[in-house]
PDB file of N, CA and C in Angstrom:
ATOM      1  N   UNK A   1       0.684  -1.414   0.197  1.00  0.00           N
ATOM      2  CA  UNK A   1       0.353   0.038   0.030  1.00  0.00           C
ATOM      3  C   UNK A   1       0.468   1.280   0.227  1.00  0.00           C
ATOM      4  N   UNK A   2       0.583   2.255  -1.122  1.00  0.00           N
ATOM      5  CA  UNK A   2       1.451   3.817  -0.668  1.00  0.00           C
ATOM      6  C   UNK A   2       1.371   3.955   0.343  1.00  0.00           C
ATOM      7  N   UNK A   3       2.170   4.993   0.789  1.00  0.00           N
ATOM      8  CA  UNK A   3       2.503   5.710   1.946  1.00  0.00           C
ATOM      9  C   UNK A   3       1.232   6.336   1.896  1.00  0.00           C
ATOM     10  N   UNK A   4       0.768   7.045   1.031  1.00  0.00           N
ATOM     11  CA  UNK A   4      -0.608   7.889   1.400  1.00  0.00           C
ATOM     12  C   UNK A   4      -1.822   7.572   1.031  1.00  0.00           C
ATOM     13  N   UNK A   5      -1.589   6.591   0.861  1.00  0.00           N
ATOM     14  CA  UNK A   5      -3.444   5.983   0.563  1.00  0.00           C
ATOM     15  C   UNK A   5      -4.050   5.383   2.230  1.00  0.00           C
ATOM     16  N   UNK A   6      -5.060   5.673   2.273  1.00  0.00           N
ATOM     17  CA  UNK A   6      -6.477   5.685   3.421  1.00  0.00           C
ATOM     18  C   UNK A   6      -6.875   4.336   3.525  1.00  0.00           C
ATOM     19  N   UNK A   7      -6.650   3.759   4.585  1.00  0.00           N
ATOM     20  CA  UNK A   7      -6.966   2.568   4.650  1.00  0.00           C
ATOM     21  C   UNK A   7      -8.636   2.699   5.311  1.00  0.00           C
ATOM     22  N   UNK A   8      -9.596   1.957   4.915  1.00  0.00           N
ATOM     23  CA  UNK A   8     -10.816   2.328   5.657  1.00  0.00           C
ATOM     24  C   UNK A   8     -11.151   0.695   6.302  1.00  0.00           C
ATOM     25  N   UNK A   9     -11.431   0.632   7.395  1.00  0.00           N
ATOM     26  CA  UNK A   9     -11.473  -0.886   7.979  1.00  0.00           C
ATOM     27  C   UNK A   9     -13.478  -0.466   8.086  1.00  0.00           C
ATOM     28  N   UNK A  10     -14.326  -1.065   8.049  1.00  0.00           N
ATOM     29  CA  UNK A  10     -15.529  -0.932   8.185  1.00  0.00           C
ATOM     30  C   UNK A  10     -16.403  -2.343   7.718  1.00  0.00           C
ATOM     31  N   UNK A  11     -18.165  -1.213   7.534  1.00  0.00           N
ATOM     32  CA  UNK A  11     -19.218  -2.154   6.940  1.00  0.00           C
ATOM     33  C   UNK A  11     -19.124  -2.326   5.308  1.00  0.00           C
ATOM     34  N   UNK A  12     -19.900  -3.277   5.370  1.00  0.00           N
ATOM     35  CA  UNK A  12     -19.902  -3.332   3.527  1.00  0.00           C
ATOM     36  C   UNK A  12     -21.580  -4.526   3.908  1.00  0.00           C
ATOM     37  N   UNK A  13     -22.175  -3.710   3.079  1.00  0.00           N
ATOM     38  CA  UNK A  13     -23.460  -4.188   2.939  1.00  0.00           C
ATOM     39  C   UNK A  13     -24.437  -3.807   1.937  1.00  0.00           C
ATOM     40  N   UNK A  14     -25.256  -5.067   2.002  1.00  0.00           N
ATOM     41  CA  UNK A  14     -26.284  -4.467   0.838  1.00  0.00           C
ATOM     42  C   UNK A  14     -27.687  -3.780   1.178  1.00  0.00           C
ATOM     43  N   UNK A  15     -28.058  -2.344   0.838  1.00  0.00           N
ATOM     44  CA  UNK A  15     -28.864  -1.587   1.168  1.00  0.00           C
ATOM     45  C   UNK A  15     -30.265  -2.080   0.595  1.00  0.00           C
ATOM     46  N   UNK A  16     -31.226  -2.477   1.027  1.00  0.00           N
ATOM     47  CA  UNK A  16     -32.532  -2.702   0.604  1.00  0.00           C
ATOM     48  C   UNK A  16     -33.496  -1.290   0.666  1.00  0.00           C
ATOM     49  N   UNK A  17     -34.190  -0.987  -0.487  1.00  0.00           N
ATOM     50  CA  UNK A  17     -34.749   0.255  -0.859  1.00  0.00           C
ATOM     51  C   UNK A  17     -35.997   0.355  -1.008  1.00  0.00           C
ATOM     52  N   UNK A  18     -37.297   0.194  -0.064  1.00  0.00           N
ATOM     53  CA  UNK A  18     -38.247   0.213  -1.026  1.00  0.00           C
ATOM     54  C   UNK A  18     -39.042   1.533  -0.984  1.00  0.00           C
ATOM     55  N   UNK A  19     -39.754   2.245  -1.327  1.00  0.00           N
ATOM     56  CA  UNK A  19     -40.658   3.031  -1.118  1.00  0.00           C
ATOM     57  C   UNK A  19     -42.079   2.598  -0.325  1.00  0.00           C
ATOM     58  N   UNK A  20     -42.778   3.958   0.676  1.00  0.00           N
ATOM     59  CA  UNK A  20     -43.399   3.926   1.456  1.00  0.00           C
ATOM     60  C   UNK A  20     -43.991   4.705   1.116  1.00  0.00           C
ATOM     61  N   UNK A  21     -45.760   4.826   1.628  1.00  0.00           N
ATOM     62  CA  UNK A  21     -45.980   6.014   1.394  1.00  0.00           C
ATOM     63  C   UNK A  21     -46.226   7.351   2.191  1.00  0.00           C
ATOM     64  N   UNK A  22     -45.669   6.820   3.163  1.00  0.00           N
ATOM     65  CA  UNK A  22     -45.663   8.070   4.020  1.00  0.00           C
ATOM     66  C   UNK A  22     -44.429   7.520   4.791  1.00  0.00           C
ATOM     67  N   UNK A  23     -44.164   8.634   6.004  1.00  0.00           N
ATOM     68  CA  UNK A  23     -42.343   7.929   7.086  1.00  0.00           C
ATOM     69  C   UNK A  23     -43.625   6.886   8.257  1.00  0.00           C
ATOM     70  N   UNK A  24     -43.458   6.218   8.286  1.00  0.00           N
ATOM     71  CA  UNK A  24     -44.462   5.471   9.461  1.00  0.00           C
ATOM     72  C   UNK A  24     -44.169   5.719  10.890  1.00  0.00           C
ATOM     73  N   UNK A  25     -45.130   5.326  11.640  1.00  0.00           N
ATOM     74  CA  UNK A  25     -45.227   6.093  13.271  1.00  0.00           C
ATOM     75  C   UNK A  25     -44.851   5.093  13.679  1.00  0.00           C
ATOM     76  N   UNK A  26     -44.649   5.775  15.248  1.00  0.00           N
ATOM     77  CA  UNK A  26     -44.251   4.716  16.199  1.00  0.00           C
ATOM     78  C   UNK A  26     -44.998   3.189  16.536  1.00  0.00           C
ATOM     79  N   UNK A  27     -44.237   2.028  15.803  1.00  0.00           N
ATOM     80  CA  UNK A  27     -44.848   0.901  16.101  1.00  0.00           C
ATOM     81  C   UNK A  27     -45.962   0.352  15.024  1.00  0.00           C
ATOM     82  N   UNK A  28     -45.896   0.929  14.106  1.00  0.00           N
ATOM     83  CA  UNK A  28     -47.136   1.347  12.738  1.00  0.00           C
ATOM     84  C   UNK A  28     -46.149   0.304  11.365  1.00  0.00           C
ATOM     85  N   UNK A  29     -47.051  -0.654  10.736  1.00  0.00           N
ATOM     86  CA  UNK A  29     -46.055  -1.905   9.744  1.00  0.00           C
ATOM     87  C   UNK A  29     -46.428  -1.286   8.512  1.00  0.00           C
ATOM     88  N   UNK A  30     -45.452  -0.778   7.430  1.00  0.00           N
ATOM     89  CA  UNK A  30     -46.280  -0.624   5.797  1.00  0.00           C
ATOM     90  C   UNK A  30     -45.873  -1.093   5.515  1.00  0.00           C
ATOM     91  N   UNK A  31     -46.324  -1.380   4.187  1.00  0.00           N
ATOM     92  CA  UNK A  31     -46.000  -2.670   2.913  1.00  0.00           C
ATOM     93  C   UNK A  31     -45.265  -1.394   1.987  1.00  0.00           C
ATOM     94  N   UNK A  32     -44.628  -1.712   1.354  1.00  0.00           N
ATOM     95  CA  UNK A  32     -43.345  -1.272   0.330  1.00  0.00           C
ATOM     96  C   UNK A  32     -44.506  -1.175  -0.604  1.00  0.00           C
ATOM     97  N   UNK A  33     -44.203   0.318  -1.529  1.00  0.00           N
ATOM     98  CA  UNK A  33     -44.917   0.359  -2.958  1.00  0.00           C
ATOM     99  C   UNK A  33     -43.833   0.136  -4.084  1.00  0.00           C
ATOM    100  N   UNK A  34     -44.641  -0.936  -4.168  1.00  0.00           N
ATOM    101  CA  UNK A  34     -43.063  -0.474  -6.294  1.00  0.00           C
ATOM    102  C   UNK A  34     -42.274  -2.040  -5.842  1.00  0.00           C
ATOM    103  N   UNK A  35     -41.051  -1.316  -6.690  1.00  0.00           N
ATOM    104  CA  UNK A  35     -39.939  -2.510  -6.928  1.00  0.00           C
ATOM    105  C   UNK A  35     -39.221  -2.369  -5.535  1.00  0.00           C
ATOM    106  N   UNK A  36     -38.270  -2.974  -5.053  1.00  0.00           N
ATOM    107  CA  UNK A  36     -37.231  -3.671  -4.419  1.00  0.00           C
ATOM    108  C   UNK A  36     -35.977  -2.558  -4.983  1.00  0.00           C
ATOM    109  N   UNK A  37     -35.168  -1.947  -4.382  1.00  0.00           N
ATOM    110  CA  UNK A  37     -33.909  -1.321  -5.184  1.00  0.00           C
ATOM    111  C   UNK A  37     -32.996  -1.767  -4.440  1.00  0.00           C
ATOM    112  N   UNK A  38     -31.876  -2.216  -4.702  1.00  0.00           N
ATOM    113  CA  UNK A  38     -30.595  -2.795  -3.791  1.00  0.00           C
ATOM    114  C   UNK A  38     -29.410  -1.890  -4.555  1.00  0.00           C
ATOM    115  N   UNK A  39     -28.844  -1.806  -3.392  1.00  0.00           N
ATOM    116  CA  UNK A  39     -27.247  -0.347  -3.479  1.00  0.00           C
ATOM    117  C   UNK A  39     -26.459  -1.101  -3.178  1.00  0.00           C
ATOM    118  N   UNK A  40     -25.292  -1.360  -3.531  1.00  0.00           N
ATOM    119  CA  UNK A  40     -24.157  -1.416  -1.875  1.00  0.00           C
ATOM    120  C   UNK A  40     -23.893  -0.697  -1.278  1.00  0.00           C
ATOM    121  N   UNK A  41     -23.144  -0.551  -0.045  1.00  0.00           N
ATOM    122  CA  UNK A  41     -23.337  -0.012   0.549  1.00  0.00           C
ATOM    123  C   UNK A  41     -22.657  -0.223   2.193  1.00  0.00           C
ATOM    124  N   UNK A  42     -22.900   0.183   3.722  1.00  0.00           N
ATOM    125  CA  UNK A  42     -22.388   0.631   4.679  1.00  0.00           C
ATOM    126  C   UNK A  42     -21.695   1.447   5.102  1.00  0.00           C
ATOM    127  N   UNK A  43     -21.426   1.925   6.100  1.00  0.00           N
ATOM    128  CA  UNK A  43     -21.037   3.123   6.805  1.00  0.00           C
ATOM    129  C   UNK A  43     -19.658   3.003   5.995  1.00  0.00           C
ATOM    130  N   UNK A  44     -18.343   2.214   6.306  1.00  0.00           N
ATOM    131  CA  UNK A  44     -17.249   2.101   5.637  1.00  0.00           C
ATOM    132  C   UNK A  44     -17.195   2.020   4.005  1.00  0.00           C
ATOM    133  N   UNK A  45     -17.845   1.448   3.848  1.00  0.00           N
ATOM    134  CA  UNK A  45     -17.789   1.653   2.251  1.00  0.00           C
ATOM    135  C   UNK A  45     -18.179   2.680   1.587  1.00  0.00           C
ATOM    136  N   UNK A  46     -19.366   2.911   1.995  1.00  0.00           N
ATOM    137  CA  UNK A  46     -19.933   4.867   1.725  1.00  0.00           C
ATOM    138  C   UNK A  46     -18.896   5.333   1.819  1.00  0.00           C
ATOM    139  N   UNK A  47     -18.171   5.691   2.999  1.00  0.00           N
ATOM    140  CA  UNK A  47     -16.755   6.581   3.160  1.00  0.00           C
ATOM    141  C   UNK A  47     -15.611   6.183   2.199  1.00  0.00           C
ATOM    142  N   UNK A  48     -15.289   5.103   1.969  1.00  0.00           N
ATOM    143  CA  UNK A  48     -14.335   4.579   1.130  1.00  0.00           C
ATOM    144  C   UNK A  48     -14.602   4.915  -0.268  1.00  0.00           C
ATOM    145  N   UNK A  49     -16.099   5.216  -0.612  1.00  0.00           N
ATOM    146  CA  UNK A  49     -16.201   5.414  -1.960  1.00  0.00           C
ATOM    147  C   UNK A  49     -16.257   6.707  -1.857  1.00  0.00           C
ATOM    148  N   UNK A  50     -16.749   7.728  -1.187  1.00  0.00           N
ATOM    149  CA  UNK A  50     -16.659   9.238  -1.285  1.00  0.00           C
ATOM    150  C   UNK A  50     -15.202   9.560  -1.163  1.00  0.00           C
ATOM    151  N   UNK A  51     -14.352   9.248  -0.319  1.00  0.00           N
ATOM    152  CA  UNK A  51     -12.790   9.505  -0.302  1.00  0.00           C
ATOM    153  C   UNK A  51     -12.405   9.428  -1.665  1.00  0.00           C
ATOM    154  N   UNK A  52     -12.528   8.342  -2.945  1.00  0.00           N
ATOM    155  CA  UNK A  52     -11.675   7.866  -3.849  1.00  0.00           C
ATOM    156  C   UNK A  52     -12.660   8.847  -4.411  1.00  0.00           C
ATOM    157  N   UNK A  53     -13.603   9.345  -4.569  1.00  0.00           N
ATOM    158  CA  UNK A  53     -14.650  10.146  -5.600  1.00  0.00           C
ATOM    159  C   UNK A  53     -13.821  11.717  -5.097  1.00  0.00           C
ATOM    160  N   UNK A  54     -13.259  12.116  -4.464  1.00  0.00           N
ATOM    161  CA  UNK A  54     -12.966  13.180  -3.974  1.00  0.00           C
ATOM    162  C   UNK A  54     -11.095  13.213  -4.463  1.00  0.00           C
ATOM    163  N   UNK A  55     -10.708  11.831  -4.716  1.00  0.00           N
ATOM    164  CA  UNK A  55      -9.385  11.832  -5.275  1.00  0.00           C
ATOM    165  C   UNK A  55      -8.121  11.149  -4.747  1.00  0.00           C
ATOM    166  N   UNK A  56      -8.954  10.910  -3.015  1.00  0.00           N
ATOM    167  CA  UNK A  56      -7.838  10.607  -2.561  1.00  0.00           C
ATOM    168  C   UNK A  56      -7.368   8.726  -2.850  1.00  0.00           C
ATOM    169  N   UNK A  57      -6.417   7.840  -2.734  1.00  0.00           N
ATOM    170  CA  UNK A  57      -6.068   6.913  -2.829  1.00  0.00           C
ATOM    171  C   UNK A  57      -6.472   5.742  -1.456  1.00  0.00           C
ATOM    172  N   UNK A  58      -7.665   5.198  -1.992  1.00  0.00           N
ATOM    173  CA  UNK A  58      -8.190   4.349  -0.865  1.00  0.00           C
ATOM    174  C   UNK A  58      -8.502   2.888  -1.265  1.00  0.00           C
ATOM    175  N   UNK A  59      -8.036   2.357   0.283  1.00  0.00           N
ATOM    176  CA  UNK A  59      -8.045   1.244   0.417  1.00  0.00           C
ATOM    177  C   UNK A  59      -9.146   0.683   2.050  1.00  0.00           C
ATOM    178  N   UNK A  60     -10.425  -0.068   0.577  1.00  0.00           N
ATOM    179  CA  UNK A  60     -11.097  -0.920   1.938  1.00  0.00           C
ATOM    180  C   UNK A  60     -10.870  -2.138   2.543  1.00  0.00           C
ATOM    181  N   UNK A  61     -10.774  -2.475   3.933  1.00  0.00           N
ATOM    182  CA  UNK A  61     -10.533  -3.684   4.271  1.00  0.00           C
ATOM    183  C   UNK A  61     -12.254  -3.689   4.971  1.00  0.00           C
ATOM    184  N   UNK A  62     -12.992  -5.106   4.868  1.00  0.00           N
ATOM    185  CA  UNK A  62     -14.378  -4.963   5.618  1.00  0.00           C
ATOM    186  C   UNK A  62     -14.480  -7.011   4.946  1.00  0.00           C
ATOM    187  N   UNK A  63     -15.501  -7.195   6.107  1.00  0.00           N
ATOM    188  CA  UNK A  63     -16.135  -8.090   5.860  1.00  0.00           C
ATOM    189  C   UNK A  63     -17.267  -8.481   4.580  1.00  0.00           C
ATOM    190  N   UNK A  64     -17.256  -9.824   3.968  1.00  0.00           N
ATOM    191  CA  UNK A  64     -18.412 -10.119   3.481  1.00  0.00           C
ATOM    192  C   UNK A  64     -18.527 -11.289   3.872  1.00  0.00           C
ATOM    193  N   UNK A  65     -20.202 -11.255   3.825  1.00  0.00           N
ATOM    194  CA  UNK A  65     -20.827 -12.896   4.784  1.00  0.00           C
ATOM    195  C   UNK A  65     -20.882 -13.585   3.496  1.00  0.00           C
ATOM    196  N   UNK A  66     -21.939 -14.636   4.271  1.00  0.00           N
ATOM    197  CA  UNK A  66     -21.951 -15.541   2.837  1.00  0.00           C
ATOM    198  C   UNK A  66     -23.767 -15.783   2.849  1.00  0.00           C
ATOM    199  N   UNK A  67     -24.323 -14.862   2.818  1.00  0.00           N
ATOM    200  CA  UNK A  67     -26.044 -14.247   2.446  1.00  0.00           C
ATOM    201  C   UNK A  67     -25.808 -14.564   0.745  1.00  0.00           C
ATOM    202  N   UNK A  68     -27.114 -14.124   0.532  1.00  0.00           N
ATOM    203  CA  UNK A  68     -27.458 -14.271  -1.357  1.00  0.00           C
ATOM    204  C   UNK A  68     -26.855 -12.978  -1.695  1.00  0.00           C
ATOM    205  N   UNK A  69     -26.733 -12.400  -1.051  1.00  0.00           N
ATOM    206  CA  UNK A  69     -26.188 -10.680  -1.763  1.00  0.00           C
ATOM    207  C   UNK A  69     -23.827 -10.362  -1.840  1.00  0.00           C
ATOM    208  N   UNK A  70     -23.783 -11.710  -1.053  1.00  0.00           N
ATOM    209  CA  UNK A  70     -22.436 -11.652  -0.903  1.00  0.00           C
ATOM    210  C   UNK A  70     -22.020 -11.065  -2.625  1.00  0.00           C
ATOM    211  N   UNK A  71     -21.877 -12.284  -3.426  1.00  0.00           N
ATOM    212  CA  UNK A  71     -21.396 -11.897  -4.654  1.00  0.00           C
ATOM    213  C   UNK A  71     -21.744 -11.138  -4.972  1.00  0.00           C
ATOM    214  N   UNK A  72     -22.950 -10.380  -5.176  1.00  0.00           N
ATOM    215  CA  UNK A  72     -22.952  -8.702  -5.382  1.00  0.00           C
ATOM    216  C   UNK A  72     -22.152  -7.889  -5.160  1.00  0.00           C
ATOM    217  N   UNK A  73     -22.228  -8.006  -3.728  1.00  0.00           N
ATOM    218  CA  UNK A  73     -21.645  -7.049  -2.789  1.00  0.00           C
ATOM    219  C   UNK A  73     -20.062  -6.877  -3.346  1.00  0.00           C
ATOM    220  N   UNK A  74     -19.265  -8.372  -3.471  1.00  0.00           N
ATOM    221  CA  UNK A  74     -17.579  -8.084  -3.484  1.00  0.00           C
ATOM    222  C   UNK A  74     -17.635  -7.535  -5.008  1.00  0.00           C
ATOM    223  N   UNK A  75     -18.395  -8.033  -5.932  1.00  0.00           N
ATOM    224  CA  UNK A  75     -18.073  -7.382  -7.470  1.00  0.00           C
ATOM    225  C   UNK A  75     -18.411  -6.103  -7.543  1.00  0.00           C
ATOM    226  N   UNK A  76     -18.908  -5.219  -6.581  1.00  0.00           N
ATOM    227  CA  UNK A  76     -19.563  -4.115  -6.963  1.00  0.00           C
ATOM    228  C   UNK A  76     -18.114  -3.682  -6.358  1.00  0.00           C
ATOM    229  N   UNK A  77     -17.439  -3.729  -5.344  1.00  0.00           N
ATOM    230  CA  UNK A  77     -16.601  -2.742  -4.537  1.00  0.00           C
ATOM    231  C   UNK A  77     -15.213  -3.522  -5.596  1.00  0.00           C
ATOM    232  N   UNK A  78     -15.316  -4.516  -6.215  1.00  0.00           N
ATOM    233  CA  UNK A  78     -14.120  -5.157  -6.694  1.00  0.00           C
ATOM    234  C   UNK A  78     -13.689  -4.540  -8.159  1.00  0.00           C
ATOM    235  N   UNK A  79     -15.048  -3.996  -8.514  1.00  0.00           N
ATOM    236  CA  UNK A  79     -15.194  -3.358  -9.724  1.00  0.00           C
ATOM    237  C   UNK A  79     -14.870  -1.527 -10.095  1.00  0.00           C
ATOM    238  N   UNK A  80     -14.633  -1.066  -8.622  1.00  0.00           N
ATOM    239  CA  UNK A  80     -14.679   0.447  -8.703  1.00  0.00           C
ATOM    240  C   UNK A  80     -12.838   0.277  -8.238  1.00  0.00           C
ATOM    241  N   UNK A  81     -11.936  -0.792  -8.074  1.00  0.00           N
ATOM    242  CA  UNK A  81     -10.598  -1.014  -8.307  1.00  0.00           C
ATOM    243  C   UNK A  81      -9.984  -0.228  -9.448  1.00  0.00           C
ATOM    244  N   UNK A  82      -9.066   0.474  -8.463  1.00  0.00           N
ATOM    245  CA  UNK A  82      -8.049   1.335  -9.938  1.00  0.00           C
ATOM    246  C   UNK A  82      -7.275   0.242 -10.652  1.00  0.00           C
ATOM    247  N   UNK A  83      -6.944   0.354 -11.835  1.00  0.00           N
ATOM    248  CA  UNK A  83      -5.859  -0.769 -12.057  1.00  0.00           C
ATOM    249  C   UNK A  83      -4.792  -0.142 -12.454  1.00  0.00           C
TER     250      UNK A  83
END
């Protein structure tokens, strides 16, 4: 790792987003309207991507689980690598 590289150690996950008709009140259950949107994220991953977009050299260290989103999450962040 080059001397000026930022190392981010943090979470990597798949954010699952669905629209609801309004913000739920305490204890209310709402059904999602429309399609489910999957976006790679996580606090650590979001920080790493933001720093890279600002021009910093960034390396991300995080653990990807064995759930169904594992491959998609890994591929998404691997594709962001600078070669």
